[in-house]
N, C-alpha and C. Protein backbone atom coordinates (compact mmCIF):
# COMPACT_ATOMS: atom_id res chain seq x y z
N ARG A 1 14.60 -16.35 9.84
CA ARG A 1 14.67 -16.94 11.17
C ARG A 1 15.60 -16.14 12.08
N LEU A 2 16.68 -15.64 11.52
CA LEU A 2 17.60 -14.85 12.33
C LEU A 2 16.98 -13.52 12.70
N GLY A 3 16.16 -12.96 11.83
CA GLY A 3 15.44 -11.74 12.15
C GLY A 3 14.51 -11.96 13.32
N LEU A 4 13.80 -13.09 13.33
CA LEU A 4 12.91 -13.43 14.45
C LEU A 4 13.69 -13.63 15.74
N GLU A 5 14.84 -14.27 15.62
CA GLU A 5 15.65 -14.57 16.80
C GLU A 5 16.27 -13.32 17.41
N ARG A 6 16.71 -12.39 16.59
CA ARG A 6 17.54 -11.28 17.06
C ARG A 6 16.81 -9.95 17.22
N ALA A 7 15.55 -9.88 16.83
CA ALA A 7 14.86 -8.59 16.87
C ALA A 7 13.53 -8.71 17.59
N ASP A 8 13.10 -7.60 18.20
CA ASP A 8 11.80 -7.61 18.89
C ASP A 8 10.76 -6.75 18.19
N THR A 9 11.10 -6.17 17.03
CA THR A 9 10.13 -5.44 16.22
C THR A 9 10.36 -5.80 14.75
N ALA A 10 9.35 -5.52 13.93
CA ALA A 10 9.47 -5.80 12.50
C ALA A 10 10.60 -4.97 11.88
N GLU A 11 10.69 -3.71 12.23
CA GLU A 11 11.73 -2.87 11.62
C GLU A 11 13.13 -3.32 12.06
N LYS A 12 13.28 -3.75 13.30
CA LYS A 12 14.59 -4.27 13.74
C LYS A 12 14.92 -5.57 13.02
N ALA A 13 13.93 -6.41 12.76
CA ALA A 13 14.15 -7.66 12.01
C ALA A 13 14.60 -7.32 10.58
N LEU A 14 13.99 -6.31 10.00
CA LEU A 14 14.40 -5.86 8.68
C LEU A 14 15.88 -5.47 8.70
N SER A 15 16.29 -4.73 9.73
CA SER A 15 17.69 -4.32 9.86
C SER A 15 18.62 -5.52 10.01
N VAL A 16 18.21 -6.52 10.78
CA VAL A 16 19.01 -7.73 10.93
C VAL A 16 19.22 -8.39 9.57
N ILE A 17 18.13 -8.54 8.81
CA ILE A 17 18.21 -9.22 7.51
C ILE A 17 19.10 -8.44 6.55
N VAL A 18 18.94 -7.12 6.45
CA VAL A 18 19.75 -6.36 5.49
C VAL A 18 21.21 -6.30 5.92
N ASP A 19 21.48 -6.30 7.23
CA ASP A 19 22.87 -6.34 7.69
C ASP A 19 23.52 -7.67 7.31
N LEU A 20 22.78 -8.77 7.46
CA LEU A 20 23.31 -10.09 7.07
C LEU A 20 23.48 -10.18 5.56
N LEU A 21 22.55 -9.61 4.83
CA LEU A 21 22.63 -9.59 3.37
C LEU A 21 23.89 -8.84 2.92
N GLU A 22 24.13 -7.70 3.55
CA GLU A 22 25.30 -6.89 3.22
C GLU A 22 26.60 -7.66 3.53
N LYS A 23 26.62 -8.36 4.65
CA LYS A 23 27.83 -9.07 5.07
C LYS A 23 28.06 -10.36 4.29
N TYR A 24 26.99 -11.16 4.06
CA TYR A 24 27.16 -12.49 3.48
C TYR A 24 26.59 -12.66 2.08
N GLY A 25 25.77 -11.71 1.63
CA GLY A 25 25.12 -11.88 0.34
C GLY A 25 24.05 -12.95 0.42
N GLN A 26 23.61 -13.40 -0.74
CA GLN A 26 22.63 -14.47 -0.78
C GLN A 26 22.96 -15.38 -1.94
N GLY A 27 22.36 -16.50 -1.95
CA GLY A 27 22.64 -17.44 -3.03
C GLY A 27 22.28 -18.83 -2.61
N GLY A 28 22.71 -19.76 -3.39
CA GLY A 28 22.38 -21.14 -3.11
C GLY A 28 21.23 -21.59 -3.98
N ASN A 29 21.18 -22.86 -4.19
CA ASN A 29 20.15 -23.43 -5.04
C ASN A 29 18.82 -23.46 -4.33
N CYS A 30 17.76 -23.21 -5.06
CA CYS A 30 16.40 -23.22 -4.50
C CYS A 30 15.76 -24.59 -4.58
N MET A 31 16.46 -25.54 -5.16
CA MET A 31 15.92 -26.88 -5.33
C MET A 31 16.93 -27.90 -4.85
N GLU A 32 16.45 -29.07 -4.48
CA GLU A 32 17.35 -30.13 -4.06
C GLU A 32 17.90 -30.92 -5.24
N SER A 33 17.35 -30.70 -6.43
CA SER A 33 17.84 -31.41 -7.61
C SER A 33 19.15 -30.79 -8.09
N ASN A 34 19.72 -31.37 -9.12
CA ASN A 34 20.98 -30.87 -9.67
C ASN A 34 20.78 -29.64 -10.55
N MET A 35 19.54 -29.34 -10.90
CA MET A 35 19.27 -28.17 -11.74
C MET A 35 19.59 -26.89 -10.95
N ALA A 36 20.39 -26.04 -11.55
CA ALA A 36 20.73 -24.77 -10.90
C ALA A 36 19.57 -23.80 -11.06
N PHE A 37 18.97 -23.42 -9.97
CA PHE A 37 17.87 -22.47 -9.99
C PHE A 37 17.98 -21.60 -8.76
N THR A 38 18.25 -20.33 -8.97
CA THR A 38 18.36 -19.40 -7.84
C THR A 38 17.48 -18.19 -8.12
N TYR A 39 17.11 -17.51 -7.08
CA TYR A 39 16.42 -16.23 -7.22
C TYR A 39 16.68 -15.43 -5.97
N HIS A 40 16.32 -14.18 -6.03
CA HIS A 40 16.54 -13.29 -4.90
C HIS A 40 15.28 -13.28 -4.05
N ASN A 41 15.43 -12.94 -2.81
CA ASN A 41 14.38 -13.17 -1.83
C ASN A 41 13.55 -11.94 -1.50
N SER A 42 12.32 -12.22 -1.12
CA SER A 42 11.40 -11.20 -0.63
C SER A 42 10.86 -11.67 0.71
N PHE A 43 10.52 -10.72 1.56
CA PHE A 43 10.06 -11.04 2.90
C PHE A 43 8.87 -10.17 3.29
N LEU A 44 7.90 -10.76 3.97
CA LEU A 44 6.86 -10.02 4.69
C LEU A 44 7.26 -10.09 6.15
N ILE A 45 7.45 -8.95 6.78
CA ILE A 45 7.92 -8.90 8.17
C ILE A 45 6.90 -8.10 8.96
N ALA A 46 6.35 -8.70 10.01
CA ALA A 46 5.29 -8.02 10.75
C ALA A 46 5.44 -8.24 12.26
N ASP A 47 5.00 -7.26 13.01
CA ASP A 47 4.83 -7.42 14.45
C ASP A 47 3.43 -6.92 14.79
N ARG A 48 3.15 -6.71 16.04
CA ARG A 48 1.81 -6.27 16.45
C ARG A 48 1.45 -4.88 15.95
N LYS A 49 2.45 -4.05 15.67
CA LYS A 49 2.19 -2.64 15.36
C LYS A 49 2.47 -2.24 13.92
N GLU A 50 3.35 -2.96 13.23
CA GLU A 50 3.69 -2.55 11.87
C GLU A 50 4.13 -3.73 11.02
N ALA A 51 4.15 -3.49 9.72
CA ALA A 51 4.58 -4.52 8.77
C ALA A 51 5.43 -3.88 7.68
N TRP A 52 6.35 -4.67 7.16
CA TRP A 52 7.26 -4.24 6.11
C TRP A 52 7.33 -5.30 5.02
N VAL A 53 7.58 -4.85 3.81
CA VAL A 53 7.95 -5.74 2.70
C VAL A 53 9.40 -5.43 2.40
N LEU A 54 10.23 -6.45 2.35
CA LEU A 54 11.64 -6.31 1.99
C LEU A 54 11.87 -7.14 0.74
N GLU A 55 12.44 -6.51 -0.29
CA GLU A 55 12.76 -7.23 -1.52
C GLU A 55 14.22 -6.99 -1.85
N THR A 56 14.87 -8.05 -2.38
CA THR A 56 16.31 -8.00 -2.59
C THR A 56 16.68 -8.33 -4.03
N SER A 57 17.84 -7.84 -4.43
CA SER A 57 18.45 -8.18 -5.71
C SER A 57 19.95 -8.16 -5.47
N GLY A 58 20.53 -9.36 -5.32
CA GLY A 58 21.92 -9.42 -4.92
C GLY A 58 22.05 -8.83 -3.52
N LYS A 59 23.01 -7.94 -3.34
CA LYS A 59 23.16 -7.29 -2.02
C LYS A 59 22.30 -6.04 -1.91
N TYR A 60 21.66 -5.65 -2.99
CA TYR A 60 20.85 -4.44 -3.01
C TYR A 60 19.41 -4.77 -2.59
N TRP A 61 18.75 -3.80 -1.98
CA TRP A 61 17.42 -4.06 -1.43
C TRP A 61 16.62 -2.77 -1.32
N ALA A 62 15.31 -2.97 -1.24
CA ALA A 62 14.38 -1.87 -0.98
C ALA A 62 13.33 -2.40 -0.01
N ALA A 63 12.84 -1.52 0.86
CA ALA A 63 11.83 -1.90 1.84
C ALA A 63 10.69 -0.89 1.82
N GLU A 64 9.50 -1.42 1.95
CA GLU A 64 8.29 -0.60 1.96
C GLU A 64 7.53 -0.87 3.25
N LYS A 65 7.21 0.19 3.98
CA LYS A 65 6.37 0.04 5.17
C LYS A 65 4.92 -0.09 4.71
N VAL A 66 4.24 -1.10 5.20
CA VAL A 66 2.85 -1.32 4.83
C VAL A 66 2.00 -0.37 5.67
N GLU A 67 1.27 0.49 4.99
CA GLU A 67 0.49 1.53 5.68
C GLU A 67 -0.97 1.14 5.89
N GLY A 68 -1.41 0.06 5.31
CA GLY A 68 -2.79 -0.37 5.46
C GLY A 68 -3.20 -1.25 4.29
N GLY A 69 -4.43 -1.72 4.34
CA GLY A 69 -4.91 -2.57 3.26
C GLY A 69 -4.30 -3.95 3.32
N VAL A 70 -4.05 -4.52 2.15
CA VAL A 70 -3.45 -5.84 2.06
C VAL A 70 -2.17 -5.74 1.25
N ARG A 71 -1.25 -6.66 1.47
CA ARG A 71 0.03 -6.67 0.74
C ARG A 71 0.48 -8.11 0.61
N ASN A 72 1.02 -8.45 -0.54
CA ASN A 72 1.54 -9.80 -0.75
C ASN A 72 2.82 -9.75 -1.55
N ILE A 73 3.51 -10.89 -1.60
CA ILE A 73 4.72 -11.05 -2.39
C ILE A 73 4.61 -12.38 -3.13
N SER A 74 5.37 -12.52 -4.23
CA SER A 74 5.36 -13.79 -4.94
C SER A 74 6.42 -13.82 -6.03
N ASN A 75 7.60 -14.28 -5.71
CA ASN A 75 8.66 -14.56 -6.68
C ASN A 75 8.86 -13.48 -7.75
N GLN A 76 8.64 -12.26 -7.40
CA GLN A 76 8.92 -11.14 -8.30
C GLN A 76 9.05 -9.90 -7.44
N LEU A 77 9.69 -8.88 -7.99
CA LEU A 77 9.78 -7.63 -7.25
C LEU A 77 8.47 -6.88 -7.40
N SER A 78 7.98 -6.34 -6.30
CA SER A 78 6.70 -5.63 -6.33
C SER A 78 6.79 -4.23 -5.73
N ILE A 79 7.91 -3.89 -5.12
CA ILE A 79 8.09 -2.53 -4.61
C ILE A 79 8.44 -1.65 -5.80
N THR A 80 7.65 -0.62 -6.01
CA THR A 80 7.89 0.25 -7.16
C THR A 80 8.52 1.56 -6.70
N THR A 81 7.72 2.61 -6.52
CA THR A 81 8.27 3.92 -6.18
C THR A 81 8.12 4.29 -4.70
N LYS A 82 7.30 3.55 -3.95
CA LYS A 82 7.15 3.81 -2.52
C LYS A 82 8.23 3.01 -1.78
N ILE A 83 9.35 3.65 -1.56
CA ILE A 83 10.49 3.01 -0.89
C ILE A 83 10.74 3.78 0.39
N ASP A 84 10.62 3.09 1.52
CA ASP A 84 10.80 3.75 2.82
C ASP A 84 12.20 3.56 3.39
N ARG A 85 12.85 2.48 3.01
CA ARG A 85 14.26 2.26 3.36
C ARG A 85 14.90 1.57 2.17
N GLU A 86 16.19 1.81 1.97
CA GLU A 86 16.88 1.22 0.82
C GLU A 86 18.36 1.06 1.09
N HIS A 87 18.98 0.19 0.31
CA HIS A 87 20.43 0.05 0.35
C HIS A 87 21.02 1.42 0.00
N PRO A 88 22.05 1.87 0.73
CA PRO A 88 22.57 3.22 0.49
C PRO A 88 23.09 3.45 -0.93
N GLU A 89 23.46 2.41 -1.66
CA GLU A 89 23.98 2.56 -3.02
C GLU A 89 23.01 2.05 -4.08
N LEU A 90 21.76 1.80 -3.70
CA LEU A 90 20.77 1.21 -4.60
C LEU A 90 20.63 1.99 -5.91
N LYS A 91 20.40 3.28 -5.80
CA LYS A 91 20.16 4.09 -6.99
C LYS A 91 21.44 4.35 -7.77
N GLU A 92 22.52 4.58 -7.06
CA GLU A 92 23.80 4.83 -7.73
C GLU A 92 24.27 3.61 -8.51
N TYR A 93 24.06 2.42 -7.96
CA TYR A 93 24.44 1.19 -8.66
C TYR A 93 23.61 1.02 -9.93
N ALA A 94 22.32 1.28 -9.84
CA ALA A 94 21.44 1.20 -11.01
C ALA A 94 21.87 2.21 -12.07
N LYS A 95 22.21 3.40 -11.63
CA LYS A 95 22.63 4.46 -12.55
C LYS A 95 23.95 4.09 -13.23
N SER A 96 24.90 3.56 -12.46
CA SER A 96 26.21 3.22 -13.03
C SER A 96 26.13 2.07 -14.02
N ASN A 97 25.08 1.25 -13.93
CA ASN A 97 24.89 0.16 -14.88
C ASN A 97 23.99 0.53 -16.05
N GLY A 98 23.51 1.76 -16.08
CA GLY A 98 22.67 2.21 -17.17
C GLY A 98 21.23 1.74 -17.08
N TRP A 99 20.81 1.28 -15.90
CA TRP A 99 19.44 0.78 -15.73
C TRP A 99 18.47 1.91 -15.41
N TRP A 100 19.00 3.02 -14.91
CA TRP A 100 18.17 4.17 -14.50
C TRP A 100 18.93 5.42 -14.87
N ASP A 101 18.24 6.39 -15.44
CA ASP A 101 18.91 7.59 -15.93
C ASP A 101 19.11 8.67 -14.86
N GLY A 102 18.55 8.47 -13.68
CA GLY A 102 18.70 9.46 -12.62
C GLY A 102 17.72 10.61 -12.75
N GLU A 103 16.97 10.64 -13.82
CA GLU A 103 16.02 11.73 -14.07
C GLU A 103 14.60 11.34 -13.68
N LYS A 104 14.11 10.25 -14.26
CA LYS A 104 12.74 9.85 -13.97
C LYS A 104 12.65 9.26 -12.56
N GLU A 105 11.43 9.18 -12.05
CA GLU A 105 11.22 8.64 -10.71
C GLU A 105 11.77 7.22 -10.63
N PHE A 106 12.47 6.92 -9.56
CA PHE A 106 13.08 5.60 -9.40
C PHE A 106 12.02 4.56 -9.07
N ASP A 107 12.00 3.47 -9.81
CA ASP A 107 11.07 2.37 -9.62
C ASP A 107 11.90 1.11 -9.41
N PHE A 108 11.95 0.61 -8.18
CA PHE A 108 12.79 -0.53 -7.85
C PHE A 108 12.46 -1.76 -8.69
N ALA A 109 11.18 -2.13 -8.77
CA ALA A 109 10.79 -3.33 -9.52
C ALA A 109 11.16 -3.20 -10.99
N ALA A 110 10.88 -2.07 -11.60
CA ALA A 110 11.18 -1.89 -13.02
C ALA A 110 12.68 -1.88 -13.27
N THR A 111 13.44 -1.33 -12.35
CA THR A 111 14.89 -1.19 -12.54
C THR A 111 15.64 -2.49 -12.28
N TYR A 112 15.28 -3.21 -11.24
CA TYR A 112 16.05 -4.38 -10.82
C TYR A 112 15.46 -5.74 -11.22
N SER A 113 14.27 -5.79 -11.77
CA SER A 113 13.64 -7.08 -12.06
C SER A 113 14.44 -7.96 -13.00
N TYR A 114 14.97 -7.41 -14.07
CA TYR A 114 15.66 -8.25 -15.04
C TYR A 114 17.02 -8.71 -14.56
N VAL A 115 17.51 -8.18 -13.45
CA VAL A 115 18.81 -8.56 -12.92
C VAL A 115 18.75 -9.96 -12.30
N ASN A 116 17.59 -10.35 -11.79
CA ASN A 116 17.47 -11.62 -11.11
C ASN A 116 17.84 -12.79 -12.01
N THR A 117 18.40 -13.83 -11.40
CA THR A 117 18.91 -14.96 -12.16
C THR A 117 17.82 -15.83 -12.74
N ALA A 118 16.65 -15.83 -12.17
CA ALA A 118 15.54 -16.64 -12.71
C ALA A 118 14.23 -16.06 -12.25
N ARG A 119 13.24 -16.22 -13.06
CA ARG A 119 11.88 -15.79 -12.73
C ARG A 119 10.94 -16.89 -13.16
N MET A 120 10.02 -17.23 -12.30
CA MET A 120 9.03 -18.22 -12.67
C MET A 120 8.03 -17.59 -13.63
N THR A 121 7.64 -18.32 -14.64
CA THR A 121 6.74 -17.76 -15.64
C THR A 121 5.38 -17.44 -15.05
N THR A 122 5.01 -18.08 -13.96
CA THR A 122 3.70 -17.84 -13.37
C THR A 122 3.74 -16.82 -12.23
N SER A 123 4.91 -16.24 -11.94
CA SER A 123 5.00 -15.37 -10.77
C SER A 123 4.06 -14.18 -10.86
N GLY A 124 3.95 -13.55 -12.03
CA GLY A 124 3.03 -12.42 -12.17
C GLY A 124 1.61 -12.85 -11.90
N GLY A 125 1.23 -13.99 -12.44
CA GLY A 125 -0.12 -14.51 -12.21
C GLY A 125 -0.37 -14.82 -10.76
N ARG A 126 0.58 -15.45 -10.11
CA ARG A 126 0.45 -15.78 -8.68
C ARG A 126 0.32 -14.51 -7.86
N TYR A 127 1.14 -13.51 -8.17
CA TYR A 127 1.11 -12.26 -7.44
C TYR A 127 -0.26 -11.60 -7.56
N PHE A 128 -0.75 -11.47 -8.78
CA PHE A 128 -2.03 -10.79 -8.99
C PHE A 128 -3.21 -11.62 -8.47
N GLU A 129 -3.14 -12.94 -8.59
CA GLU A 129 -4.20 -13.79 -8.05
C GLU A 129 -4.24 -13.67 -6.52
N GLY A 130 -3.07 -13.66 -5.89
CA GLY A 130 -3.01 -13.49 -4.44
C GLY A 130 -3.58 -12.16 -4.00
N TYR A 131 -3.23 -11.11 -4.75
CA TYR A 131 -3.74 -9.78 -4.45
C TYR A 131 -5.27 -9.74 -4.57
N LYS A 132 -5.80 -10.38 -5.62
CA LYS A 132 -7.25 -10.43 -5.81
C LYS A 132 -7.93 -11.17 -4.66
N LEU A 133 -7.38 -12.31 -4.27
CA LEU A 133 -7.98 -13.07 -3.18
C LEU A 133 -7.93 -12.31 -1.86
N LEU A 134 -6.84 -11.63 -1.59
CA LEU A 134 -6.73 -10.83 -0.36
C LEU A 134 -7.72 -9.67 -0.39
N ASN A 135 -7.83 -9.00 -1.53
CA ASN A 135 -8.75 -7.87 -1.64
C ASN A 135 -10.21 -8.30 -1.54
N LYS A 136 -10.50 -9.49 -2.01
CA LYS A 136 -11.86 -10.02 -1.92
C LYS A 136 -12.33 -10.08 -0.46
N HIS A 137 -11.39 -10.33 0.45
CA HIS A 137 -11.72 -10.48 1.87
C HIS A 137 -11.19 -9.31 2.71
N LYS A 138 -10.74 -8.24 2.06
CA LYS A 138 -10.15 -7.09 2.75
C LYS A 138 -11.08 -6.61 3.87
N GLY A 139 -10.53 -6.44 5.04
CA GLY A 139 -11.30 -5.97 6.19
C GLY A 139 -11.93 -7.08 7.00
N SER A 140 -11.94 -8.30 6.46
CA SER A 140 -12.54 -9.42 7.21
C SER A 140 -11.71 -10.69 7.09
N ILE A 141 -10.39 -10.52 6.97
CA ILE A 141 -9.52 -11.69 6.84
C ILE A 141 -9.32 -12.33 8.21
N THR A 142 -9.68 -13.59 8.29
CA THR A 142 -9.46 -14.39 9.50
C THR A 142 -8.35 -15.38 9.21
N SER A 143 -7.90 -16.07 10.24
CA SER A 143 -6.88 -17.10 10.01
C SER A 143 -7.42 -18.19 9.08
N GLU A 144 -8.70 -18.52 9.20
CA GLU A 144 -9.30 -19.54 8.34
C GLU A 144 -9.31 -19.09 6.88
N ILE A 145 -9.65 -17.84 6.63
CA ILE A 145 -9.65 -17.32 5.26
C ILE A 145 -8.23 -17.30 4.70
N MET A 146 -7.27 -16.90 5.52
CA MET A 146 -5.89 -16.88 5.06
C MET A 146 -5.41 -18.28 4.71
N MET A 147 -5.79 -19.27 5.52
CA MET A 147 -5.41 -20.65 5.21
C MET A 147 -6.06 -21.11 3.91
N GLU A 148 -7.30 -20.71 3.69
CA GLU A 148 -8.00 -21.05 2.45
C GLU A 148 -7.26 -20.44 1.24
N ILE A 149 -6.82 -19.21 1.36
CA ILE A 149 -6.08 -18.55 0.28
C ILE A 149 -4.77 -19.29 0.01
N LEU A 150 -4.05 -19.66 1.06
CA LEU A 150 -2.76 -20.33 0.89
C LEU A 150 -2.91 -21.76 0.35
N ARG A 151 -4.09 -22.35 0.50
CA ARG A 151 -4.35 -23.69 -0.05
C ARG A 151 -4.78 -23.65 -1.51
N ASP A 152 -5.09 -22.46 -2.04
CA ASP A 152 -5.69 -22.32 -3.36
C ASP A 152 -4.73 -22.77 -4.47
N LYS A 153 -5.10 -23.82 -5.16
CA LYS A 153 -4.27 -24.34 -6.25
C LYS A 153 -4.62 -23.70 -7.58
N GLU A 154 -5.89 -23.37 -7.79
CA GLU A 154 -6.32 -22.78 -9.06
C GLU A 154 -5.58 -21.49 -9.36
N SER A 155 -5.32 -20.68 -8.35
CA SER A 155 -4.64 -19.40 -8.52
C SER A 155 -3.14 -19.57 -8.73
N GLY A 156 -2.61 -20.72 -8.38
CA GLY A 156 -1.17 -20.95 -8.45
C GLY A 156 -0.46 -20.60 -7.15
N ILE A 157 -1.20 -20.14 -6.16
CA ILE A 157 -0.58 -19.81 -4.88
C ILE A 157 -0.01 -21.07 -4.24
N ASN A 158 -0.78 -22.13 -4.25
CA ASN A 158 -0.31 -23.43 -3.78
C ASN A 158 0.12 -24.20 -5.03
N MET A 159 1.40 -24.17 -5.32
CA MET A 159 1.92 -24.73 -6.57
C MET A 159 2.08 -26.24 -6.50
N GLU A 160 1.84 -26.86 -7.65
CA GLU A 160 2.04 -28.30 -7.81
C GLU A 160 3.00 -28.51 -8.98
N GLY A 161 3.57 -29.70 -9.06
CA GLY A 161 4.43 -30.02 -10.19
C GLY A 161 5.89 -29.87 -9.86
N GLY A 162 6.68 -29.40 -10.84
CA GLY A 162 8.13 -29.27 -10.66
C GLY A 162 8.51 -28.31 -9.57
N PHE A 163 7.77 -27.22 -9.46
CA PHE A 163 7.98 -26.27 -8.38
C PHE A 163 6.78 -26.36 -7.47
N MET A 164 7.00 -26.89 -6.29
CA MET A 164 5.89 -27.11 -5.37
C MET A 164 5.98 -26.17 -4.18
N THR A 165 4.83 -25.73 -3.71
CA THR A 165 4.79 -25.02 -2.44
C THR A 165 5.12 -26.06 -1.37
N THR A 166 6.04 -25.73 -0.49
CA THR A 166 6.48 -26.72 0.49
C THR A 166 6.04 -26.40 1.92
N GLY A 167 5.36 -25.30 2.12
CA GLY A 167 4.89 -24.98 3.45
C GLY A 167 4.26 -23.61 3.49
N SER A 168 3.40 -23.43 4.45
CA SER A 168 2.75 -22.14 4.64
C SER A 168 2.67 -21.83 6.12
N MET A 169 2.56 -20.54 6.43
CA MET A 169 2.46 -20.07 7.80
C MET A 169 1.42 -18.96 7.86
N VAL A 170 0.57 -19.02 8.86
CA VAL A 170 -0.41 -17.98 9.12
C VAL A 170 -0.21 -17.53 10.56
N SER A 171 -0.11 -16.23 10.77
CA SER A 171 0.07 -15.69 12.11
C SER A 171 -1.05 -14.73 12.45
N VAL A 172 -1.50 -14.79 13.68
CA VAL A 172 -2.47 -13.85 14.22
C VAL A 172 -1.70 -13.01 15.24
N LEU A 173 -1.62 -11.70 14.98
CA LEU A 173 -0.83 -10.80 15.82
C LEU A 173 -1.73 -9.71 16.39
N PRO A 174 -2.41 -9.99 17.50
CA PRO A 174 -3.30 -8.97 18.08
C PRO A 174 -2.51 -7.73 18.50
N GLN A 175 -3.09 -6.56 18.31
CA GLN A 175 -2.41 -5.33 18.70
C GLN A 175 -2.35 -5.17 20.22
N GLN A 176 -3.29 -5.81 20.93
CA GLN A 176 -3.29 -5.72 22.39
C GLN A 176 -2.19 -6.63 22.95
N PRO A 177 -1.24 -6.06 23.70
CA PRO A 177 -0.10 -6.85 24.18
C PRO A 177 -0.47 -7.95 25.18
N ASN A 178 -1.66 -7.89 25.78
CA ASN A 178 -2.04 -8.92 26.74
C ASN A 178 -2.60 -10.17 26.05
N LEU A 179 -2.86 -10.10 24.74
CA LEU A 179 -3.36 -11.25 23.99
C LEU A 179 -2.18 -11.98 23.33
N PRO A 180 -2.20 -13.30 23.34
CA PRO A 180 -1.06 -14.04 22.74
C PRO A 180 -1.10 -14.01 21.22
N CYS A 181 0.07 -14.06 20.63
CA CYS A 181 0.18 -14.25 19.18
C CYS A 181 0.02 -15.75 18.91
N ILE A 182 -0.59 -16.07 17.79
CA ILE A 182 -0.83 -17.47 17.43
C ILE A 182 -0.24 -17.70 16.05
N HIS A 183 0.49 -18.80 15.89
CA HIS A 183 1.13 -19.10 14.63
C HIS A 183 0.75 -20.51 14.19
N PHE A 184 0.29 -20.63 12.95
CA PHE A 184 -0.08 -21.91 12.37
C PHE A 184 0.93 -22.25 11.28
N PHE A 185 1.45 -23.47 11.28
CA PHE A 185 2.37 -23.95 10.26
C PHE A 185 1.81 -25.22 9.64
N THR A 186 2.08 -25.41 8.36
CA THR A 186 1.68 -26.67 7.76
C THR A 186 2.57 -27.77 8.28
N GLY A 187 2.00 -28.95 8.46
CA GLY A 187 2.76 -30.10 8.96
C GLY A 187 3.11 -31.08 7.86
N THR A 188 2.70 -30.80 6.64
CA THR A 188 3.00 -31.67 5.50
C THR A 188 3.56 -30.79 4.38
N PRO A 189 4.18 -31.39 3.39
CA PRO A 189 4.72 -30.57 2.30
C PRO A 189 3.65 -29.83 1.51
N ASP A 190 2.42 -30.29 1.50
CA ASP A 190 1.36 -29.67 0.73
C ASP A 190 0.43 -28.88 1.64
N PRO A 191 0.40 -27.53 1.54
CA PRO A 191 -0.47 -26.74 2.41
C PRO A 191 -1.96 -27.07 2.30
N ALA A 192 -2.36 -27.76 1.22
CA ALA A 192 -3.77 -28.15 1.08
C ALA A 192 -4.16 -29.21 2.10
N ARG A 193 -3.20 -29.84 2.71
CA ARG A 193 -3.48 -30.86 3.72
C ARG A 193 -3.55 -30.23 5.09
């Protein structure tokens, strides 16, 4: 939200988020119950002209500029070797902890994944199911198709049970500046409604 408030481009919003991450860190419980459950955050950041994926692990982060096609995130690190921006100490910190030898190509997801405090057992499935659904409609994704994907319970994208999806957002960002951007938000806790 602060990225949206303080920046007028996707890349500037990315800078706002990583500056705040550097200054304040991240944390806090992901649930309202007494069970301690935390994880590190990922973001899809887009404007009319470009899009970025930002993934974090503690104060460390990596960002990938989306060059085309489809891209999704889901409770796991997915940025591997295509890193367009990164925390200045990302690789050195991994090396000093023995997670990366400094020789082989640096892979953010492989190096930092196990550092996270919790991982949902279905995150890999959700990630790959989301990717499959997006690819199925690649080149013809409309707001209606995106809403259908976000409502999908069979894939695990719209989660039920102990960990529930609590909201979804679909944005239409025309490249022509004279056309308005349109944003759809769920009005109930269950995106299927």
